[in-house]
Amino acid sequence: MSWRIVYITDVDKLSLNLNSIQIIHEEQKYFVNLNEIAMLVIEDYKSIITTRLLIELAKQGIPVLILAMNSMPIGEYFPISNNSRTSKRISEQIAWNENIKNKIWTQIVKGKISNQINTLKKLNILEKISLLEENIKQIKNGDKTNMEGISARIYFKELFGNEFIRFNETIENYCLNFSYHIIRTIISKEIVARGYIPSIGINHKSQYNVFNFADDLIEVFRPIIDYYVYLILEEILKSETFELNKSIKIKLIDIINNKIEYKGKEFLIINAIPQYINDVVNFINEKNDSFEIPKLL
């Protein structure tokens, strides 16, 4: 099973050598076996990457995430399809039953808020726990009353303070957005591998979002990511100045290799994602009676 997220910066050339990426840096050669790679993250404005390598990455379903000058993701490279039944799967996806989609979204919202509660408890931030627990009880089918959005506003104020506003240009939002994008890329990779497309969502339906389905599935993982981001931020904010250096980005990328609980067992986040997506898709296609929510240990 692939498990490495390879972060590339300050190299001269990336090419294919047998079944490995050959990395050339200052005339030195390094090799990483493609079978080990779950994702490639590139933050380098001078390096050359060969078409032959891009072809092999697509064949093996390895996504490539490109970071811009501000260190935020700006582009992704996916295979058009690496499933022999893509056309059939997309037809199924378009025709998914609305009642079942509402059931899934209801469970995802309950799971997300439960994970928000778990995150606050682990960080000993307890004042709004009872309110969030009450919000779970108030969730209607398909979350028609938007308990997901209401709870998120309460939760983030508790996590980062009353002045915190999601999507403002802050250290907290940068770290959250960076880490979310890493996991969303892994989720999108798994969606494509199953023959579906990330843009046709269950609840997210924006015509401007090519990751609607991925953004549905990621919701239960967000509070888990938040917990680890919070711990990284604690370390960052001990210093007098914030610099988004290579070591911090590596820590944010490496969040996905932390352990969580899924179906009563311990998994790395990166290994729980394929099983979780299988369970959700099987529930949609009425092959499963239920699916479980990943949780913080």
C-alpha atoms as a PDB file:
ATOM      1  CA  MET A   1       0.000   0.000   0.000  1.00  0.00           C
ATOM      2  CA  SER A   2       1.330   3.458  -0.934  1.00  0.00           C
ATOM      3  CA  TRP A   3       2.040   5.628   2.077  1.00  0.00           C
ATOM      4  CA  ARG A   4       4.628   8.314   1.279  1.00  0.00           C
ATOM      5  CA  ILE A   5       3.666  11.909   0.574  1.00  0.00           C
ATOM      6  CA  VAL A   6       6.759  13.178  -1.233  1.00  0.00           C
ATOM      7  CA  TYR A   7       7.438  16.905  -0.851  1.00  0.00           C
ATOM      8  CA  ILE A   8       9.708  18.319  -3.571  1.00  0.00           C
ATOM      9  CA  THR A   9      11.556  21.626  -3.250  1.00  0.00           C
ATOM     10  CA  ASP A  10      14.883  22.940  -4.524  1.00  0.00           C
ATOM     11  CA  VAL A  11      15.688  20.193  -7.033  1.00  0.00           C
ATOM     12  CA  ASP A  12      16.939  20.330 -10.618  1.00  0.00           C
ATOM     13  CA  LYS A  13      15.008  17.576 -12.352  1.00  0.00           C
ATOM     14  CA  LEU A  14      12.381  14.866 -11.782  1.00  0.00           C
ATOM     15  CA  SER A  15      12.276  11.938 -14.185  1.00  0.00           C
ATOM     16  CA  LEU A  16      11.289   8.279 -14.427  1.00  0.00           C
ATOM     17  CA  ASN A  17      13.871   5.578 -13.773  1.00  0.00           C
ATOM     18  CA  LEU A  18      12.415   2.072 -14.012  1.00  0.00           C
ATOM     19  CA  ASN A  19       9.607   2.182 -11.414  1.00  0.00           C
ATOM     20  CA  SER A  20      11.041   5.070  -9.414  1.00  0.00           C
ATOM     21  CA  ILE A  21      11.164   8.842  -9.438  1.00  0.00           C
ATOM     22  CA  GLN A  22      14.712   9.949 -10.082  1.00  0.00           C
ATOM     23  CA  ILE A  23      15.423  13.221  -8.294  1.00  0.00           C
ATOM     24  CA  ILE A  24      18.509  15.178  -9.341  1.00  0.00           C
ATOM     25  CA  HIS A  25      19.837  17.813  -6.968  1.00  0.00           C
ATOM     26  CA  GLU A  26      23.256  19.423  -7.467  1.00  0.00           C
ATOM     27  CA  GLU A  27      24.388  16.454  -9.593  1.00  0.00           C
ATOM     28  CA  GLN A  28      23.350  13.969  -6.880  1.00  0.00           C
ATOM     29  CA  LYS A  29      20.670  11.393  -7.722  1.00  0.00           C
ATOM     30  CA  TYR A  30      17.973  10.164  -5.322  1.00  0.00           C
ATOM     31  CA  PHE A  31      15.272   7.563  -5.977  1.00  0.00           C
ATOM     32  CA  VAL A  32      11.787   6.963  -4.561  1.00  0.00           C
ATOM     33  CA  ASN A  33       9.838   3.850  -5.611  1.00  0.00           C
ATOM     34  CA  LEU A  34       6.485   4.761  -7.183  1.00  0.00           C
ATOM     35  CA  ASN A  35       4.760   1.893  -5.341  1.00  0.00           C
ATOM     36  CA  GLU A  36       5.400   3.724  -2.067  1.00  0.00           C
ATOM     37  CA  ILE A  37       4.029   7.113  -3.182  1.00  0.00           C
ATOM     38  CA  ALA A  38       0.491   8.190  -2.289  1.00  0.00           C
ATOM     39  CA  MET A  39       0.952  11.772  -3.468  1.00  0.00           C
ATOM     40  CA  LEU A  40       3.563  14.164  -4.857  1.00  0.00           C
ATOM     41  CA  VAL A  41       3.701  17.770  -3.592  1.00  0.00           C
ATOM     42  CA  ILE A  42       5.871  20.143  -5.644  1.00  0.00           C
ATOM     43  CA  GLU A  43       6.953  23.585  -4.467  1.00  0.00           C
ATOM     44  CA  ASP A  44       9.730  24.447  -6.850  1.00  0.00           C
ATOM     45  CA  TYR A  45       9.797  27.056  -9.630  1.00  0.00           C
ATOM     46  CA  LYS A  46      12.995  25.944 -11.317  1.00  0.00           C
ATOM     47  CA  SER A  47      12.790  22.156 -11.470  1.00  0.00           C
ATOM     48  CA  ILE A  48      12.069  20.219 -14.649  1.00  0.00           C
ATOM     49  CA  ILE A  49       9.625  17.274 -14.664  1.00  0.00           C
ATOM     50  CA  THR A  50       9.559  14.930 -17.659  1.00  0.00           C
ATOM     51  CA  THR A  51       6.428  13.984 -19.575  1.00  0.00           C
ATOM     52  CA  ARG A  52       7.391  10.317 -19.252  1.00  0.00           C
ATOM     53  CA  LEU A  53       7.225  10.626 -15.454  1.00  0.00           C
ATOM     54  CA  LEU A  54       3.855  12.426 -15.621  1.00  0.00           C
ATOM     55  CA  ILE A  55       2.486   9.618 -17.792  1.00  0.00           C
ATOM     56  CA  GLU A  56       3.613   6.960 -15.310  1.00  0.00           C
ATOM     57  CA  LEU A  57       2.212   8.937 -12.352  1.00  0.00           C
ATOM     58  CA  ALA A  58      -1.153   9.067 -14.145  1.00  0.00           C
ATOM     59  CA  LYS A  59      -1.040   5.342 -14.948  1.00  0.00           C
ATOM     60  CA  GLN A  60      -0.443   4.530 -11.283  1.00  0.00           C
ATOM     61  CA  GLY A  61      -3.055   7.001 -10.041  1.00  0.00           C
ATOM     62  CA  ILE A  62      -0.568   9.143  -8.116  1.00  0.00           C
ATOM     63  CA  PRO A  63      -1.830  12.744  -7.782  1.00  0.00           C
ATOM     64  CA  VAL A  64       0.489  15.730  -8.053  1.00  0.00           C
ATOM     65  CA  LEU A  65      -0.226  18.876  -6.026  1.00  0.00           C
ATOM     66  CA  ILE A  66       1.487  22.107  -7.150  1.00  0.00           C
ATOM     67  CA  LEU A  67       2.090  24.923  -4.639  1.00  0.00           C
ATOM     68  CA  ALA A  68       2.129  28.572  -5.719  1.00  0.00           C
ATOM     69  CA  MET A  69       4.476  31.379  -4.685  1.00  0.00           C
ATOM     70  CA  ASN A  70       2.419  31.908  -1.507  1.00  0.00           C
ATOM     71  CA  SER A  71       2.932  28.217  -0.612  1.00  0.00           C
ATOM     72  CA  MET A  72      -0.767  27.460  -1.101  1.00  0.00           C
ATOM     73  CA  PRO A  73      -1.975  24.743  -3.524  1.00  0.00           C
ATOM     74  CA  ILE A  74      -2.757  26.179  -6.953  1.00  0.00           C
ATOM     75  CA  GLY A  75      -3.018  23.143  -9.244  1.00  0.00           C
ATOM     76  CA  GLU A  76      -3.532  19.393  -9.250  1.00  0.00           C
ATOM     77  CA  TYR A  77      -2.686  16.699 -11.760  1.00  0.00           C
ATOM     78  CA  PHE A  78      -4.900  13.583 -11.886  1.00  0.00           C
ATOM     79  CA  PRO A  79      -5.381  10.762 -14.363  1.00  0.00           C
ATOM     80  CA  ILE A  80      -8.445  11.263 -16.555  1.00  0.00           C
ATOM     81  CA  SER A  81      -9.543   7.867 -15.306  1.00  0.00           C
ATOM     82  CA  ASN A  82      -7.930   4.710 -13.998  1.00  0.00           C
ATOM     83  CA  ASN A  83     -11.112   2.655 -13.675  1.00  0.00           C
ATOM     84  CA  SER A  84     -12.456   0.525 -16.522  1.00  0.00           C
ATOM     85  CA  ARG A  85     -16.096   1.311 -15.624  1.00  0.00           C
ATOM     86  CA  THR A  86     -15.866   5.086 -15.298  1.00  0.00           C
ATOM     87  CA  SER A  87     -18.780   5.817 -17.651  1.00  0.00           C
ATOM     88  CA  LYS A  88     -21.054   3.406 -15.735  1.00  0.00           C
ATOM     89  CA  ARG A  89     -19.947   4.816 -12.371  1.00  0.00           C
ATOM     90  CA  ILE A  90     -20.576   8.427 -13.418  1.00  0.00           C
ATOM     91  CA  SER A  91     -24.074   7.501 -14.646  1.00  0.00           C
ATOM     92  CA  GLU A  92     -24.714   5.909 -11.244  1.00  0.00           C
ATOM     93  CA  GLN A  93     -23.332   8.974  -9.482  1.00  0.00           C
ATOM     94  CA  ILE A  94     -25.636  11.347 -11.378  1.00  0.00           C
ATOM     95  CA  ALA A  95     -28.633   9.135 -10.539  1.00  0.00           C
ATOM     96  CA  TRP A  96     -27.912   8.652  -6.819  1.00  0.00           C
ATOM     97  CA  ASN A  97     -31.122   8.676  -4.793  1.00  0.00           C
ATOM     98  CA  GLU A  98     -31.843  11.995  -3.024  1.00  0.00           C
ATOM     99  CA  ASN A  99     -33.223  10.291   0.092  1.00  0.00           C
ATOM    100  CA  ILE A 100     -30.053   8.232   0.479  1.00  0.00           C
ATOM    101  CA  LYS A 101     -27.888  11.327  -0.113  1.00  0.00           C
ATOM    102  CA  ASN A 102     -29.829  13.127   2.640  1.00  0.00           C
ATOM    103  CA  LYS A 103     -29.234  10.191   5.009  1.00  0.00           C
ATOM    104  CA  ILE A 104     -25.513  10.246   4.239  1.00  0.00           C
ATOM    105  CA  TRP A 105     -25.209  13.987   4.740  1.00  0.00           C
ATOM    106  CA  THR A 106     -27.118  13.760   8.027  1.00  0.00           C
ATOM    107  CA  GLN A 107     -24.692  11.142   9.323  1.00  0.00           C
ATOM    108  CA  ILE A 108     -21.673  13.097   8.063  1.00  0.00           C
ATOM    109  CA  VAL A 109     -22.855  16.243   9.866  1.00  0.00           C
ATOM    110  CA  LYS A 110     -23.476  14.323  13.090  1.00  0.00           C
ATOM    111  CA  GLY A 111     -20.050  12.731  12.782  1.00  0.00           C
ATOM    112  CA  LYS A 112     -18.360  16.060  12.070  1.00  0.00           C
ATOM    113  CA  ILE A 113     -19.891  17.748  15.118  1.00  0.00           C
ATOM    114  CA  SER A 114     -19.073  14.708  17.275  1.00  0.00           C
ATOM    115  CA  ASN A 115     -15.463  14.977  16.118  1.00  0.00           C
ATOM    116  CA  GLN A 116     -15.487  18.714  16.879  1.00  0.00           C
ATOM    117  CA  ILE A 117     -16.605  17.839  20.417  1.00  0.00           C
ATOM    118  CA  ASN A 118     -13.826  15.231  20.689  1.00  0.00           C
ATOM    119  CA  THR A 119     -11.222  17.745  19.515  1.00  0.00           C
ATOM    120  CA  LEU A 120     -12.320  20.346  22.081  1.00  0.00           C
ATOM    121  CA  LYS A 121     -12.372  17.730  24.837  1.00  0.00           C
ATOM    122  CA  LYS A 122      -8.845  16.548  24.009  1.00  0.00           C
ATOM    123  CA  LEU A 123      -7.671  20.166  24.159  1.00  0.00           C
ATOM    124  CA  ASN A 124      -9.594  20.734  27.411  1.00  0.00           C
ATOM    125  CA  ILE A 125     -11.778  23.468  25.867  1.00  0.00           C
ATOM    126  CA  LEU A 126     -15.068  22.512  27.469  1.00  0.00           C
ATOM    127  CA  GLU A 127     -17.371  25.532  27.739  1.00  0.00           C
ATOM    128  CA  LYS A 128     -19.493  24.913  24.605  1.00  0.00           C
ATOM    129  CA  ILE A 129     -19.502  21.104  24.642  1.00  0.00           C
ATOM    130  CA  SER A 130     -23.082  20.839  25.903  1.00  0.00           C
ATOM    131  CA  LEU A 131     -24.262  23.315  23.230  1.00  0.00           C
ATOM    132  CA  LEU A 132     -22.633  21.295  20.459  1.00  0.00           C
ATOM    133  CA  GLU A 133     -24.128  18.093  21.878  1.00  0.00           C
ATOM    134  CA  GLU A 134     -27.541  19.765  21.788  1.00  0.00           C
ATOM    135  CA  ASN A 135     -26.939  20.794  18.168  1.00  0.00           C
ATOM    136  CA  ILE A 136     -26.475  17.139  17.227  1.00  0.00           C
ATOM    137  CA  LYS A 137     -29.924  16.397  18.670  1.00  0.00           C
ATOM    138  CA  GLN A 138     -31.403  19.225  16.565  1.00  0.00           C
ATOM    139  CA  ILE A 139     -30.162  17.882  13.228  1.00  0.00           C
ATOM    140  CA  LYS A 140     -32.992  17.140  10.784  1.00  0.00           C
ATOM    141  CA  ASN A 141     -32.800  14.827   7.771  1.00  0.00           C
ATOM    142  CA  GLY A 142     -30.364  16.349   5.272  1.00  0.00           C
ATOM    143  CA  ASP A 143     -29.448  19.007   7.881  1.00  0.00           C
ATOM    144  CA  LYS A 144     -32.156  21.372   6.630  1.00  0.00           C
ATOM    145  CA  THR A 145     -31.612  23.677   9.640  1.00  0.00           C
ATOM    146  CA  ASN A 146     -27.842  23.981   8.900  1.00  0.00           C
ATOM    147  CA  MET A 147     -26.579  22.704  12.237  1.00  0.00           C
ATOM    148  CA  GLU A 148     -23.294  22.012  10.449  1.00  0.00           C
ATOM    149  CA  GLY A 149     -22.700  25.712   9.766  1.00  0.00           C
ATOM    150  CA  ILE A 150     -24.020  26.880  13.145  1.00  0.00           C
ATOM    151  CA  SER A 151     -21.813  24.413  15.005  1.00  0.00           C
ATOM    152  CA  ALA A 152     -18.736  25.323  12.947  1.00  0.00           C
ATOM    153  CA  ARG A 153     -19.005  28.977  13.982  1.00  0.00           C
ATOM    154  CA  ILE A 154     -19.271  28.026  17.665  1.00  0.00           C
ATOM    155  CA  TYR A 155     -16.471  25.479  17.400  1.00  0.00           C
ATOM    156  CA  PHE A 156     -13.899  27.708  15.674  1.00  0.00           C
ATOM    157  CA  LYS A 157     -14.492  30.567  18.131  1.00  0.00           C
ATOM    158  CA  GLU A 158     -13.776  28.108  20.926  1.00  0.00           C
ATOM    159  CA  LEU A 159     -10.746  26.656  19.191  1.00  0.00           C
ATOM    160  CA  PHE A 160      -9.003  29.859  18.109  1.00  0.00           C
ATOM    161  CA  GLY A 161     -10.725  32.661  20.059  1.00  0.00           C
ATOM    162  CA  ASN A 162     -13.621  35.074  19.540  1.00  0.00           C
ATOM    163  CA  GLU A 163     -11.676  37.208  17.044  1.00  0.00           C
ATOM    164  CA  PHE A 164     -11.112  34.270  14.704  1.00  0.00           C
ATOM    165  CA  ILE A 165     -12.912  34.418  11.346  1.00  0.00           C
ATOM    166  CA  ARG A 166     -12.635  31.481   8.997  1.00  0.00           C
ATOM    167  CA  PHE A 167     -10.988  32.315   5.647  1.00  0.00           C
ATOM    168  CA  ASN A 168      -9.344  35.521   6.858  1.00  0.00           C
ATOM    169  CA  GLU A 169      -5.623  35.711   6.078  1.00  0.00           C
ATOM    170  CA  THR A 170      -4.240  34.404   9.363  1.00  0.00           C
ATOM    171  CA  ILE A 171      -1.666  31.834  10.416  1.00  0.00           C
ATOM    172  CA  GLU A 172      -4.457  29.568  11.639  1.00  0.00           C
ATOM    173  CA  ASN A 173      -6.383  29.687   8.366  1.00  0.00           C
ATOM    174  CA  TYR A 174      -3.272  29.151   6.285  1.00  0.00           C
ATOM    175  CA  CYS A 175      -2.350  26.009   8.221  1.00  0.00           C
ATOM    176  CA  LEU A 176      -5.932  24.717   8.146  1.00  0.00           C
ATOM    177  CA  ASN A 177      -6.367  25.331   4.417  1.00  0.00           C
ATOM    178  CA  PHE A 178      -2.993  23.806   3.557  1.00  0.00           C
ATOM    179  CA  SER A 179      -3.704  20.648   5.571  1.00  0.00           C
ATOM    180  CA  TYR A 180      -7.282  20.330   4.309  1.00  0.00           C
ATOM    181  CA  HIS A 181      -6.048  20.520   0.722  1.00  0.00           C
ATOM    182  CA  ILE A 182      -3.596  17.684   1.267  1.00  0.00           C
ATOM    183  CA  ILE A 183      -6.324  15.373   2.529  1.00  0.00           C
ATOM    184  CA  ARG A 184      -8.803  16.563  -0.129  1.00  0.00           C
ATOM    185  CA  THR A 185      -6.306  15.571  -2.821  1.00  0.00           C
ATOM    186  CA  ILE A 186      -6.006  12.072  -1.333  1.00  0.00           C
ATOM    187  CA  ILE A 187      -9.819  11.787  -1.170  1.00  0.00           C
ATOM    188  CA  SER A 188     -10.147  12.976  -4.783  1.00  0.00           C
ATOM    189  CA  LYS A 189      -7.577  10.406  -5.867  1.00  0.00           C
ATOM    190  CA  GLU A 190      -9.656   7.638  -4.256  1.00  0.00           C
ATOM    191  CA  ILE A 191     -12.883   8.941  -5.826  1.00  0.00           C
ATOM    192  CA  VAL A 192     -11.300   8.868  -9.304  1.00  0.00           C
ATOM    193  CA  ALA A 193      -9.849   5.393  -8.661  1.00  0.00           C
ATOM    194  CA  ARG A 194     -13.402   4.103  -8.135  1.00  0.00           C
ATOM    195  CA  GLY A 195     -14.601   5.550 -11.433  1.00  0.00           C
ATOM    196  CA  TYR A 196     -16.482   8.519  -9.965  1.00  0.00           C
ATOM    197  CA  ILE A 197     -15.746  12.216 -10.390  1.00  0.00           C
ATOM    198  CA  PRO A 198     -15.044  14.615  -7.504  1.00  0.00           C
ATOM    199  CA  SER A 199     -17.263  17.418  -8.852  1.00  0.00           C
ATOM    200  CA  ILE A 200     -20.684  15.719  -8.435  1.00  0.00           C
ATOM    201  CA  GLY A 201     -21.441  16.002  -4.737  1.00  0.00           C
ATOM    202  CA  ILE A 202     -23.942  14.736  -2.198  1.00  0.00           C
ATOM    203  CA  ASN A 203     -24.564  18.056  -0.442  1.00  0.00           C
ATOM    204  CA  HIS A 204     -21.948  20.371  -1.955  1.00  0.00           C
ATOM    205  CA  LYS A 205     -23.324  21.399  -5.358  1.00  0.00           C
ATOM    206  CA  SER A 206     -21.525  24.590  -6.354  1.00  0.00           C
ATOM    207  CA  GLN A 207     -21.073  24.979 -10.104  1.00  0.00           C
ATOM    208  CA  TYR A 208     -17.709  26.602  -9.394  1.00  0.00           C
ATOM    209  CA  ASN A 209     -16.336  23.743  -7.275  1.00  0.00           C
ATOM    210  CA  VAL A 210     -14.675  20.789  -9.000  1.00  0.00           C
ATOM    211  CA  PHE A 211     -14.333  19.002  -5.632  1.00  0.00           C
ATOM    212  CA  ASN A 212     -17.952  18.857  -4.429  1.00  0.00           C
ATOM    213  CA  PHE A 213     -17.949  15.129  -3.640  1.00  0.00           C
ATOM    214  CA  ALA A 214     -14.505  15.316  -2.041  1.00  0.00           C
ATOM    215  CA  ASP A 215     -15.714  18.241   0.083  1.00  0.00           C
ATOM    216  CA  ASP A 216     -18.671  16.155   1.274  1.00  0.00           C
ATOM    217  CA  LEU A 217     -16.422  13.293   2.337  1.00  0.00           C
ATOM    218  CA  ILE A 218     -13.726  15.419   3.952  1.00  0.00           C
ATOM    219  CA  GLU A 219     -16.079  16.980   6.521  1.00  0.00           C
ATOM    220  CA  VAL A 220     -15.675  14.225   9.126  1.00  0.00           C
ATOM    221  CA  PHE A 221     -11.879  14.509   8.875  1.00  0.00           C
ATOM    222  CA  ARG A 222     -11.710  18.293   9.327  1.00  0.00           C
ATOM    223  CA  PRO A 223     -11.919  18.319  13.165  1.00  0.00           C
ATOM    224  CA  ILE A 224      -9.284  15.577  13.294  1.00  0.00           C
ATOM    225  CA  ILE A 225      -6.994  17.719  11.131  1.00  0.00           C
ATOM    226  CA  ASP A 226      -7.866  20.741  13.309  1.00  0.00           C
ATOM    227  CA  TYR A 227      -6.566  18.949  16.394  1.00  0.00           C
ATOM    228  CA  TYR A 228      -3.143  18.325  14.888  1.00  0.00           C
ATOM    229  CA  VAL A 229      -2.997  21.816  13.350  1.00  0.00           C
ATOM    230  CA  TYR A 230      -3.734  23.264  16.791  1.00  0.00           C
ATOM    231  CA  LEU A 231      -0.763  21.372  18.258  1.00  0.00           C
ATOM    232  CA  ILE A 232       1.514  22.553  15.446  1.00  0.00           C
ATOM    233  CA  LEU A 233       0.308  26.146  15.898  1.00  0.00           C
ATOM    234  CA  GLU A 234       1.075  25.991  19.609  1.00  0.00           C
ATOM    235  CA  GLU A 235       4.660  25.241  18.693  1.00  0.00           C
ATOM    236  CA  ILE A 236       4.792  27.906  15.966  1.00  0.00           C
ATOM    237  CA  LEU A 237       3.340  30.664  18.147  1.00  0.00           C
ATOM    238  CA  LYS A 238       5.967  30.120  20.836  1.00  0.00           C
ATOM    239  CA  SER A 239       8.402  31.880  18.523  1.00  0.00           C
ATOM    240  CA  GLU A 240       8.232  35.668  18.194  1.00  0.00           C
ATOM    241  CA  THR A 241       7.844  35.642  14.417  1.00  0.00           C
ATOM    242  CA  PHE A 242       6.000  33.278  12.120  1.00  0.00           C
ATOM    243  CA  GLU A 243       7.755  31.980   9.053  1.00  0.00           C
ATOM    244  CA  LEU A 244       6.144  29.326   6.935  1.00  0.00           C
ATOM    245  CA  ASN A 245       9.315  27.355   6.469  1.00  0.00           C
ATOM    246  CA  LYS A 246       9.939  23.928   5.033  1.00  0.00           C
ATOM    247  CA  SER A 247       9.836  22.142   8.404  1.00  0.00           C
ATOM    248  CA  ILE A 248       6.363  23.531   9.222  1.00  0.00           C
ATOM    249  CA  LYS A 249       4.998  22.513   5.808  1.00  0.00           C
ATOM    250  CA  ILE A 250       6.378  19.012   6.294  1.00  0.00           C
ATOM    251  CA  LYS A 251       4.599  18.799   9.664  1.00  0.00           C
ATOM    252  CA  LEU A 252       1.329  19.922   8.069  1.00  0.00           C
ATOM    253  CA  ILE A 253       1.711  17.380   5.270  1.00  0.00           C
ATOM    254  CA  ASP A 254       2.595  14.654   7.765  1.00  0.00           C
ATOM    255  CA  ILE A 255      -0.683  15.090   9.702  1.00  0.00           C
ATOM    256  CA  ILE A 256      -2.160  12.505   7.376  1.00  0.00           C
ATOM    257  CA  ASN A 257       0.169   9.877   8.891  1.00  0.00           C
ATOM    258  CA  ASN A 258      -1.322  10.189  12.389  1.00  0.00           C
ATOM    259  CA  LYS A 259      -3.426   7.364  13.789  1.00  0.00           C
ATOM    260  CA  ILE A 260      -7.215   7.529  14.140  1.00  0.00           C
ATOM    261  CA  GLU A 261      -9.951   5.071  15.080  1.00  0.00           C
ATOM    262  CA  TYR A 262     -12.128   3.597  12.356  1.00  0.00           C
ATOM    263  CA  LYS A 263     -14.536   0.699  12.808  1.00  0.00           C
ATOM    264  CA  GLY A 264     -13.021  -0.077  16.202  1.00  0.00           C
ATOM    265  CA  LYS A 265      -9.454  -0.333  14.885  1.00  0.00           C
ATOM    266  CA  GLU A 266      -6.438   1.971  14.625  1.00  0.00           C
ATOM    267  CA  PHE A 267      -5.467   3.250  11.183  1.00  0.00           C
ATOM    268  CA  LEU A 268      -3.258   5.963   9.782  1.00  0.00           C
ATOM    269  CA  ILE A 269      -5.506   8.682   8.375  1.00  0.00           C
ATOM    270  CA  ILE A 270      -4.139   8.032   4.886  1.00  0.00           C
ATOM    271  CA  ASN A 271      -5.083   4.327   5.156  1.00  0.00           C
ATOM    272  CA  ALA A 272      -8.530   4.952   6.678  1.00  0.00           C
ATOM    273  CA  ILE A 273      -9.609   7.188   3.781  1.00  0.00           C
ATOM    274  CA  PRO A 274      -9.996   4.411   1.118  1.00  0.00           C
ATOM    275  CA  GLN A 275     -12.001   2.212   3.506  1.00  0.00           C
ATOM    276  CA  TYR A 276     -14.226   5.110   4.552  1.00  0.00           C
ATOM    277  CA  ILE A 277     -14.929   6.036   0.919  1.00  0.00           C
ATOM    278  CA  ASN A 278     -15.696   2.392   0.070  1.00  0.00           C
ATOM    279  CA  ASP A 279     -18.198   2.242   2.925  1.00  0.00           C
ATOM    280  CA  VAL A 280     -19.910   5.495   1.919  1.00  0.00           C
ATOM    281  CA  VAL A 281     -20.145   4.491  -1.756  1.00  0.00           C
ATOM    282  CA  ASN A 282     -21.465   1.033  -0.831  1.00  0.00           C
ATOM    283  CA  PHE A 283     -24.097   2.684   1.359  1.00  0.00           C
ATOM    284  CA  ILE A 284     -25.149   4.966  -1.516  1.00  0.00           C
ATOM    285  CA  ASN A 285     -25.385   1.961  -3.843  1.00  0.00           C
ATOM    286  CA  GLU A 286     -27.361   0.089  -1.146  1.00  0.00           C
ATOM    287  CA  LYS A 287     -24.720  -2.577  -0.606  1.00  0.00           C
ATOM    288  CA  ASN A 288     -24.255  -1.548   3.057  1.00  0.00           C
ATOM    289  CA  ASP A 289     -26.905  -0.772   5.671  1.00  0.00           C
ATOM    290  CA  SER A 290     -24.683   1.820   7.368  1.00  0.00           C
ATOM    291  CA  PHE A 291     -21.218   3.348   7.506  1.00  0.00           C
ATOM    292  CA  GLU A 292     -19.066   4.551  10.373  1.00  0.00           C
ATOM    293  CA  ILE A 293     -17.297   7.818  11.073  1.00  0.00           C
ATOM    294  CA  PRO A 294     -13.504   8.074  11.586  1.00  0.00           C
ATOM    295  CA  LYS A 295     -12.638   9.422  15.029  1.00  0.00           C
ATOM    296  CA  LEU A 296      -9.705  10.802  17.000  1.00  0.00           C
ATOM    297  CA  LEU A 297      -8.125   8.138  19.184  1.00  0.00           C
END
